[in-house]
Amino acid sequence: MLTHNLDDLEVFNKRQDKTLIERLNSLISRDFKILTYTDAITLLQNSGKKFEFPHNWGDDLASEHETWIVDHFGLPCVLTN
């Protein structure tokens, strides 16, 4: 997108989200965190945070869990297995 659609992104950056291009550049300049589903569940269970939705092994992760994991590491995450 930054290569082929920069004009469109600049419009959106100007009108909607003034940090969009900066955040996209930040994302592509770093590696993603890779962890297993089991490690993610363990991390959530040990977080000390009270989530609205349960997060036991075998459950789907809710948006609140995914957001917490990304915020915890400060970068995009990929869950495996």
Protein backbone atom coordinates (compact mmCIF):
# COMPACT_ATOMS: atom_id res chain seq x y z
CA MET A 1 0.00 0.00 0.00
CA LEU A 2 2.78 2.39 0.86
CA THR A 3 4.37 1.74 -2.51
CA HIS A 4 1.38 1.55 -4.85
CA ASN A 5 -1.33 3.53 -3.03
CA LEU A 6 0.52 6.26 -1.19
CA ASP A 7 -1.71 9.00 -2.65
CA ASP A 8 -4.81 7.32 -1.22
CA LEU A 9 -3.14 6.77 2.13
CA GLU A 10 -2.08 10.41 2.29
CA VAL A 11 -5.71 11.51 1.82
CA PHE A 12 -6.85 9.17 4.58
CA ASN A 13 -3.90 10.24 6.74
CA LYS A 14 -4.87 13.89 6.33
CA ARG A 15 -8.63 13.51 6.86
CA GLN A 16 -9.11 10.56 9.22
CA ASP A 17 -5.99 9.31 10.95
CA LYS A 18 -3.02 11.64 11.11
CA THR A 19 -0.73 8.85 12.31
CA LEU A 20 -1.63 6.20 9.70
CA ILE A 21 1.43 6.44 7.46
CA GLU A 22 3.75 6.71 10.44
CA ARG A 23 2.21 3.59 12.04
CA LEU A 24 2.36 1.62 8.78
CA ASN A 25 6.03 2.49 8.34
CA SER A 26 6.66 1.42 11.93
CA LEU A 27 4.94 -1.92 11.34
CA ILE A 28 6.90 -2.85 8.24
CA SER A 29 10.23 -1.94 9.79
CA ARG A 30 9.97 -4.55 12.58
CA ASP A 31 9.57 -8.30 12.83
CA PHE A 32 6.28 -9.69 14.09
CA LYS A 33 6.15 -11.58 17.39
CA ILE A 34 5.45 -15.27 16.82
CA LEU A 35 4.06 -17.35 19.68
CA THR A 36 1.99 -20.48 20.05
CA TYR A 37 -1.67 -20.44 20.93
CA THR A 38 -0.79 -22.22 24.19
CA ASP A 39 1.74 -19.52 25.09
CA ALA A 40 -0.82 -16.83 24.30
CA ILE A 41 -3.42 -18.44 26.58
CA THR A 42 -0.85 -18.79 29.36
CA LEU A 43 0.13 -15.14 28.91
CA LEU A 44 -3.51 -14.04 29.14
CA GLN A 45 -4.15 -16.20 32.22
CA ASN A 46 -1.08 -14.75 33.97
CA SER A 47 -1.83 -11.16 32.94
CA GLY A 48 -3.79 -10.27 36.06
CA LYS A 49 -6.30 -8.50 33.83
CA LYS A 50 -10.01 -9.22 34.12
CA PHE A 51 -11.33 -9.81 30.62
CA GLU A 52 -14.99 -9.68 29.62
CA PHE A 53 -14.75 -13.03 27.82
CA PRO A 54 -13.14 -16.18 29.22
CA HIS A 55 -9.84 -17.33 27.80
CA ASN A 56 -9.34 -20.99 28.57
CA TRP A 57 -7.33 -23.32 26.36
CA GLY A 58 -9.49 -24.31 23.38
CA ASP A 59 -11.53 -21.08 23.37
CA ASP A 60 -11.36 -18.68 20.47
CA LEU A 61 -9.57 -15.47 21.31
CA ALA A 62 -11.78 -12.41 21.45
CA SER A 63 -10.79 -9.01 20.12
CA GLU A 64 -9.97 -7.88 23.66
CA HIS A 65 -7.48 -10.76 24.00
CA GLU A 66 -5.84 -10.05 20.65
CA THR A 67 -5.57 -6.35 21.47
CA TRP A 68 -4.03 -7.08 24.87
CA ILE A 69 -1.44 -9.43 23.37
CA VAL A 70 -0.43 -6.90 20.70
CA ASP A 71 -0.25 -4.10 23.28
CA HIS A 72 1.77 -6.34 25.62
CA PHE A 73 4.48 -6.91 23.02
CA GLY A 74 4.08 -3.54 21.30
CA LEU A 75 4.07 -5.10 17.85
CA PRO A 76 1.93 -7.31 15.61
CA CYS A 77 1.70 -10.94 16.68
CA VAL A 78 1.18 -14.21 14.86
CA LEU A 79 -0.21 -17.18 16.77
CA THR A 80 0.65 -20.69 15.63
CA ASN A 81 -0.70 -24.15 16.37
